[in-house]
Structures are given as C-alpha cells and as structure tokens.
Protein backbone atom coordinates (compact mmCIF):
# COMPACT_ATOMS: atom_id res chain seq x y z
CA UNK A 1 152.25 17.94 -55.09
CA UNK A 2 153.69 20.09 -57.89
CA UNK A 3 153.52 18.59 -61.36
CA UNK A 4 156.37 18.97 -63.87
CA UNK A 5 155.75 21.67 -66.46
CA UNK A 6 155.88 19.12 -69.28
CA UNK A 7 153.07 17.09 -67.74
CA UNK A 8 150.95 20.14 -67.09
CA UNK A 9 151.33 21.49 -70.62
CA UNK A 10 150.82 18.21 -72.51
CA UNK A 11 147.05 17.90 -71.84
CA UNK A 12 146.59 21.57 -72.78
CA UNK A 13 147.89 20.84 -76.28
CA UNK A 14 146.54 17.36 -76.88
CA UNK A 15 143.17 17.10 -75.12
CA UNK A 16 141.24 19.48 -77.43
CA UNK A 17 142.19 17.35 -80.43
CA UNK A 18 140.62 14.31 -78.79
CA UNK A 19 137.15 15.80 -79.13
CA UNK A 20 137.77 17.65 -82.41
CA UNK A 21 137.86 14.53 -84.55
CA UNK A 22 135.93 14.18 -87.80
CA UNK A 23 132.13 14.14 -87.53
CA UNK A 24 130.08 12.97 -90.48
CA UNK A 25 126.32 12.75 -90.95
CA UNK A 26 124.55 11.62 -94.16
CA UNK A 27 121.26 13.08 -95.30
CA UNK A 28 118.67 11.27 -97.47
CA UNK A 29 118.76 12.16 -101.15
CA UNK A 30 115.78 13.58 -103.00
CA UNK A 31 114.12 15.39 -100.07
CA UNK A 32 114.70 19.04 -100.99
CA UNK A 33 110.98 19.82 -101.14
CA UNK A 34 110.36 21.02 -97.59
CA UNK A 35 107.40 19.08 -96.24
CA UNK A 36 107.17 17.31 -99.59
CA UNK A 37 104.85 19.88 -101.12
CA UNK A 38 107.20 22.79 -101.78
CA UNK A 39 107.32 23.82 -105.44
CA UNK A 40 110.64 25.32 -106.50
CA UNK A 41 110.78 28.46 -108.65
CA UNK A 42 111.30 28.08 -112.38
CA UNK A 43 112.43 31.67 -113.03
CA UNK A 44 115.32 31.24 -112.83
CA UNK A 45 115.15 27.46 -112.94
CA UNK A 46 116.68 25.64 -109.96
CA UNK A 47 116.88 21.88 -109.68
CA UNK A 48 116.07 20.11 -106.42
CA UNK A 49 119.48 18.44 -106.54
CA UNK A 50 121.21 21.81 -106.22
CA UNK A 51 119.41 22.33 -102.90
CA UNK A 52 119.58 18.75 -101.69
CA UNK A 53 121.83 18.18 -98.68
CA UNK A 54 123.62 14.84 -99.05
CA UNK A 55 126.24 14.91 -96.29
CA UNK A 56 127.70 17.14 -93.61
CA UNK A 57 131.23 16.79 -92.24
CA UNK A 58 133.01 18.72 -89.49
CA UNK A 59 136.64 18.49 -88.44
CA UNK A 60 139.28 20.49 -86.64
CA UNK A 61 141.44 22.63 -88.89
CA UNK A 62 145.11 22.43 -87.98
CA UNK A 63 146.31 22.54 -84.39
CA UNK A 64 143.90 23.30 -81.60
CA UNK A 65 144.00 26.80 -80.19
CA UNK A 66 145.13 27.20 -76.57
CA UNK A 67 142.54 29.95 -76.00
CA UNK A 68 139.15 30.71 -77.61
CA UNK A 69 139.51 32.59 -80.90
CA UNK A 70 138.53 36.25 -80.47
CA UNK A 71 135.46 37.76 -82.06
CA UNK A 72 135.91 40.51 -84.63
CA UNK A 73 139.44 39.32 -85.36
CA UNK A 74 139.28 40.62 -88.90
CA UNK A 75 140.42 37.63 -90.95
CA UNK A 76 140.02 33.89 -90.72
CA UNK A 77 143.07 32.18 -89.23
CA UNK A 78 143.78 29.37 -91.69
CA UNK A 79 145.83 27.36 -89.15
CA UNK A 80 143.11 26.89 -86.53
CA UNK A 81 139.35 26.61 -86.45
CA UNK A 82 136.75 24.25 -87.87
CA UNK A 83 136.27 22.98 -91.41
CA UNK A 84 132.74 22.15 -92.54
CA UNK A 85 132.03 20.23 -95.73
CA UNK A 86 128.49 20.39 -97.08
CA UNK A 87 127.74 17.79 -99.74
CA UNK A 88 125.05 18.71 -102.27
CA UNK A 89 123.36 16.84 -105.09
CA UNK A 90 124.93 19.21 -107.60
CA UNK A 91 126.32 22.73 -107.94
CA UNK A 92 124.30 25.25 -109.95
CA UNK A 93 124.67 28.97 -110.62
CA UNK A 94 121.23 30.20 -111.77
CA UNK A 95 122.07 33.84 -110.93
CA UNK A 96 125.46 33.76 -112.65
CA UNK A 97 127.51 34.88 -109.64
CA UNK A 98 131.33 34.98 -109.88
CA UNK A 99 131.60 32.42 -107.06
CA UNK A 100 130.20 29.74 -109.36
CA UNK A 101 127.20 28.80 -107.18
CA UNK A 102 124.00 30.65 -106.35
CA UNK A 103 121.18 28.13 -105.94
CA UNK A 104 121.00 27.91 -102.16
CA UNK A 105 121.66 29.48 -98.78
CA UNK A 106 123.39 27.10 -96.39
CA UNK A 107 123.07 27.78 -92.67
CA UNK A 108 125.14 25.94 -90.05
CA UNK A 109 124.24 26.55 -86.41
CA UNK A 110 126.85 25.24 -83.97
CA UNK A 111 125.68 23.99 -80.58
CA UNK A 112 128.01 24.07 -77.59
CA UNK A 113 127.62 23.94 -73.79
CA UNK A 114 127.75 27.75 -73.88
CA UNK A 115 125.08 28.12 -76.58
CA UNK A 116 121.87 29.86 -75.55
CA UNK A 117 120.18 31.01 -78.80
CA UNK A 118 117.12 28.88 -79.48
CA UNK A 119 115.80 30.40 -82.70
CA UNK A 120 117.49 29.28 -85.92
CA UNK A 121 118.08 32.70 -87.35
CA UNK A 122 115.25 34.04 -89.49
CA UNK A 123 114.37 30.67 -91.03
CA UNK A 124 111.09 30.09 -89.21
CA UNK A 125 112.51 27.20 -87.17
CA UNK A 126 113.25 26.80 -83.47
CA UNK A 127 115.60 24.53 -81.57
CA UNK A 128 114.16 21.22 -80.43
CA UNK A 129 115.46 19.92 -77.12
CA UNK A 130 117.67 21.58 -74.52
CA UNK A 131 120.40 24.13 -75.15
CA UNK A 132 121.03 26.41 -78.09
CA UNK A 133 123.61 27.55 -80.61
CA UNK A 134 126.75 29.58 -79.98
CA UNK A 135 127.97 30.09 -83.56
CA UNK A 136 126.14 30.59 -86.86
CA UNK A 137 127.67 30.27 -90.32
CA UNK A 138 125.75 31.42 -93.41
CA UNK A 139 127.02 30.68 -96.91
CA UNK A 140 125.67 32.05 -100.18
CA UNK A 141 127.23 32.51 -103.57
CA UNK A 142 127.44 36.21 -102.77
CA UNK A 143 129.51 35.71 -99.61
CA UNK A 144 129.75 34.02 -96.22
CA UNK A 145 129.26 35.32 -92.68
CA UNK A 146 129.96 34.07 -89.16
CA UNK A 147 128.44 35.30 -85.91
CA UNK A 148 128.87 34.07 -82.37
CA UNK A 149 128.02 34.70 -78.74
CA UNK A 150 130.78 36.51 -76.85
CA UNK A 151 132.25 34.65 -73.87
CA UNK A 152 133.55 36.03 -70.60
CA UNK A 153 137.21 35.84 -69.59
CA UNK A 154 138.08 32.20 -68.99
CA UNK A 155 135.56 30.88 -71.54
CA UNK A 156 132.42 31.12 -69.40
CA UNK A 157 129.02 31.82 -70.88
CA UNK A 158 127.92 35.39 -71.35
CA UNK A 159 124.55 36.75 -70.26
CA UNK A 160 121.47 34.93 -71.51
CA UNK A 161 120.40 38.20 -73.11
CA UNK A 162 123.67 38.57 -75.02
CA UNK A 163 123.23 38.96 -78.76
CA UNK A 164 125.48 37.28 -81.36
CA UNK A 165 128.13 39.57 -82.84
CA UNK A 166 129.99 39.37 -86.17
CA UNK A 167 133.19 37.34 -86.43
CA UNK A 168 135.75 36.96 -89.19
CA UNK A 169 134.13 35.91 -92.46
CA UNK A 170 134.67 32.22 -93.31
CA UNK A 171 136.43 31.14 -96.49
CA UNK A 172 134.45 29.01 -98.94
CA UNK A 173 135.49 26.95 -101.94
CA UNK A 174 133.89 24.37 -104.21
CA UNK A 175 135.24 20.83 -104.44
CA UNK A 176 133.13 18.76 -106.82
CA UNK A 177 129.59 19.01 -105.45
CA UNK A 178 130.82 20.02 -101.99
CA UNK A 179 131.06 23.40 -100.31
CA UNK A 180 134.18 23.48 -98.09
CA UNK A 181 133.95 26.13 -95.39
CA UNK A 182 136.79 27.15 -93.04
CA UNK A 183 135.52 29.12 -90.05
CA UNK A 184 137.26 30.74 -87.07
CA UNK A 185 135.44 28.60 -84.52
CA UNK A 186 137.54 27.02 -81.73
CA UNK A 187 138.17 23.33 -82.51
CA UNK A 188 135.85 21.11 -80.50
CA UNK A 189 133.12 18.51 -80.52
CA UNK A 190 129.83 20.19 -81.30
CA UNK A 191 126.28 19.40 -82.36
CA UNK A 192 124.80 21.05 -85.45
CA UNK A 193 121.66 22.29 -87.11
CA UNK A 194 122.20 22.49 -90.90
CA UNK A 195 119.67 23.82 -93.41
CA UNK A 196 119.48 24.76 -97.08
CA UNK A 197 117.15 27.44 -98.42
CA UNK A 198 116.56 28.94 -101.86
CA UNK A 199 118.79 31.92 -102.65
CA UNK A 200 117.43 35.17 -104.07
CA UNK A 201 119.43 38.40 -104.54
CA UNK A 202 116.11 40.24 -104.57
CA UNK A 203 115.40 39.67 -100.86
CA UNK A 204 117.01 41.68 -98.06
CA UNK A 205 118.77 38.66 -96.54
CA UNK A 206 119.20 36.55 -99.68
CA UNK A 207 116.54 33.98 -98.74
CA UNK A 208 113.48 33.24 -100.86
CA UNK A 209 110.65 32.49 -98.44
CA UNK A 210 107.62 30.31 -99.10
CA UNK A 211 104.43 31.85 -100.36
CA UNK A 212 101.02 30.49 -101.29
CA UNK A 213 100.89 32.49 -104.52
CA UNK A 214 101.30 30.81 -107.89
CA UNK A 215 104.27 32.63 -109.40
CA UNK A 216 107.09 31.16 -111.46
CA UNK A 217 109.66 33.12 -109.42
CA UNK A 218 108.20 32.12 -106.05
CA UNK A 219 108.81 29.22 -103.69
CA UNK A 220 105.33 27.81 -103.30
CA UNK A 221 104.11 26.05 -100.14
CA UNK A 222 100.80 25.16 -98.52
CA UNK A 223 101.17 27.94 -95.93
CA UNK A 224 102.91 31.28 -96.10
CA UNK A 225 104.42 30.85 -92.62
CA UNK A 226 106.16 27.60 -93.57
CA UNK A 227 109.90 27.35 -92.73
CA UNK A 228 112.23 28.79 -95.35
CA UNK A 229 114.60 25.78 -95.68
CA UNK A 230 113.70 23.29 -98.41
CA UNK A 231 116.06 20.71 -96.86
CA UNK A 232 117.44 20.16 -93.36
CA UNK A 233 120.00 17.77 -91.93
CA UNK A 234 117.77 15.28 -90.14
CA UNK A 235 116.62 11.68 -90.06
CA UNK A 236 114.27 10.68 -92.85
CA UNK A 237 111.46 9.94 -90.36
CA UNK A 238 111.64 13.32 -88.62
CA UNK A 239 108.25 14.84 -89.44
CA UNK A 240 108.24 17.48 -86.71
CA UNK A 241 110.40 19.87 -88.73
CA UNK A 242 107.57 21.07 -90.96
CA UNK A 243 104.67 20.37 -88.60
CA UNK A 244 106.00 21.83 -85.34
CA UNK A 245 108.61 24.11 -86.96
CA UNK A 246 111.37 22.68 -84.77
CA UNK A 247 114.66 20.99 -85.66
CA UNK A 248 116.75 18.61 -83.57
CA UNK A 249 120.56 18.89 -83.67
CA UNK A 250 122.82 16.14 -84.96
CA UNK A 251 126.02 15.18 -83.15
CA UNK A 252 127.02 15.56 -79.52
CA UNK A 253 128.58 18.44 -77.64
CA UNK A 254 131.38 18.03 -75.14
CA UNK A 255 132.83 20.63 -72.79
CA UNK A 256 136.62 20.80 -73.24
CA UNK A 257 137.07 22.12 -69.71
CA UNK A 258 135.73 18.87 -68.27
CA UNK A 259 138.15 16.81 -70.35
CA UNK A 260 141.03 19.07 -69.44
CA UNK A 261 140.37 18.78 -65.71
CA UNK A 262 140.03 15.02 -66.05
CA UNK A 263 143.34 14.78 -67.90
CA UNK A 264 145.20 16.90 -65.34
CA UNK A 265 143.59 14.97 -62.50
CA UNK A 266 144.52 11.67 -64.11
CA UNK A 267 148.14 12.77 -64.53
CA UNK A 268 148.27 13.81 -60.88
CA UNK A 269 146.82 10.51 -59.75
CA UNK A 270 149.33 8.58 -61.85
CA UNK A 271 152.26 10.51 -60.40
CA UNK A 272 150.96 10.02 -56.86
CA UNK A 273 150.67 6.29 -57.44
CA UNK A 274 154.20 6.07 -58.85
CA UNK A 275 155.61 8.05 -55.92
CA UNK A 276 153.83 5.76 -53.45
CA UNK A 277 155.24 2.66 -55.13
CA UNK A 278 158.78 4.09 -55.09
CA UNK A 279 158.56 4.93 -51.38
CA UNK A 280 157.21 1.45 -50.59
CA UNK A 281 160.05 -0.20 -52.52
CA UNK A 282 162.73 1.88 -50.74
CA UNK A 283 161.32 0.98 -47.34
CA UNK A 284 161.28 -2.69 -48.22
CA UNK A 285 164.66 -2.78 -49.99
C-alpha cells in the first residue's frame, strides 16, 4: 500500500528530534587532581577550580538535518548540529589569551553506533566497554577543532581502518563559568567521554602532560605515563580511570535509522488498520 507523501515525510522531520533532547550529567566538585595525587603547576598559577568539570550538557541545535552534515564543509552551520555546555568551577586566563580562558583543554568524544575509534586521542586513555567514538571536539583558549569518521553513502559505517578527518571548526563562547560549544555534528542521542587537561602553549598539541619531576611549571604525578586529564566526566566511585587508564562513556546512543523505520512501519500499520475497519463497516452497513 502506498502511503501519502505527508505521512512519509513527517517522521523524516520529527523523529530525529525525539532522540536529540537535552542530556545533562553532573560531575563531582573538587576532583581535578587526577588520581588524587596530581600537583598542578604554579608557573603560571592555575587553580583546581578552573580545571574542575562540574556539569556537561548536550542538546540539538535548531532543526534536525535531513542528511548527515558533510565533513570539511568549511564553516559551522549555526542552524543545525549539537550544542555542548561544559560547566567549570571557574574561568581563568593564566596565559592571557584573547579568548579570555586558557587554563584547560576540554576534549569531548562523541560515541555513536558508527563509532569505531577506541583510543581517546593522545590523552593516555582508552575506551572502556564496547564501541568507540565517531566525533571528537577539542577546545582550548587558542581555538577549537572537530574531527570525525567519514561515513559511506546512506550513513553506513566506513572501514574499521578509516582515520578521522577534520570538520568545520566549532564556535565557542563563555557564559558565566560555562563553555558553550556549537559543533557541526548531526543532531542525535549520543554517549560521551569528556575530559579536562592542563593547557600549555609550549607543547605541540597544547596539553601539559604529567611528569615525575619537581618543577613549578610541570604537572606532577606519581608516574610519567599517567593520563593527561586532571578531571574526567565520571561517577565519583570510578577508580579504573587512573588505575587501568580506561574511561566509560556517559549517556546512551541510539541509531536514528531504527527509529525512522519503526515510525514509518507504525504509520503503515495504522493506515492498514483504518482501511480494514472502513471496509468492514461498508460491508456491514
């Protein structure tokens, strides 16, 4: 049975927004010391509050896109995508950057059914559990970047050996003690790995990594191979982060294609039922 165009198109526009609703996850305050023994640098001085994750929020930005947003599109489309809000203990600018903040490096790894990357960048952490990330946002006071795994035509996963490629740079602004990040990621329900590391313009990638040396400009830890983040978005009783060097995601992923097929199938079933009732009534009239 052919469905009316209006019924076929309605789920295409509305279903993605069902799973792109606001996601919020709080993080314990006062835990920006890595495994508890990290010593922050004092030259320049950085407070633990400026590196302390307090809350993470994710929500769809504007109307949902009908097709996946292309990689390398040049500029962030302000009408579609995802908005991430990272709440911090405070905003500090120890390096005096024009952006107004330069204490930390915030990394957001976005897990989806198509995600296959299981190392969390160059942070010294790996994914815990099944699956991997598809998109990676990095925010520093010197700029923001977005990379993602390319997808095949029709939104299917690319090769397992496919490397992330650059996407349009996200926009970032400060609201109080929050970093508000708009990224060209297709609206959807995702899971996330979120970390905060110490920023340094003197390193090649902007991250100050732990060292065992006693230096006022160093991030000191009990082992040199310790993970770079001083705080991660995780439950307060998650001790495996700094002992096993693994991080579990927060949130749940959902494949939009499954919802879309279910919506179309439900509409077809409803129309079939209505048609059957009408035929039965005519025969018994």
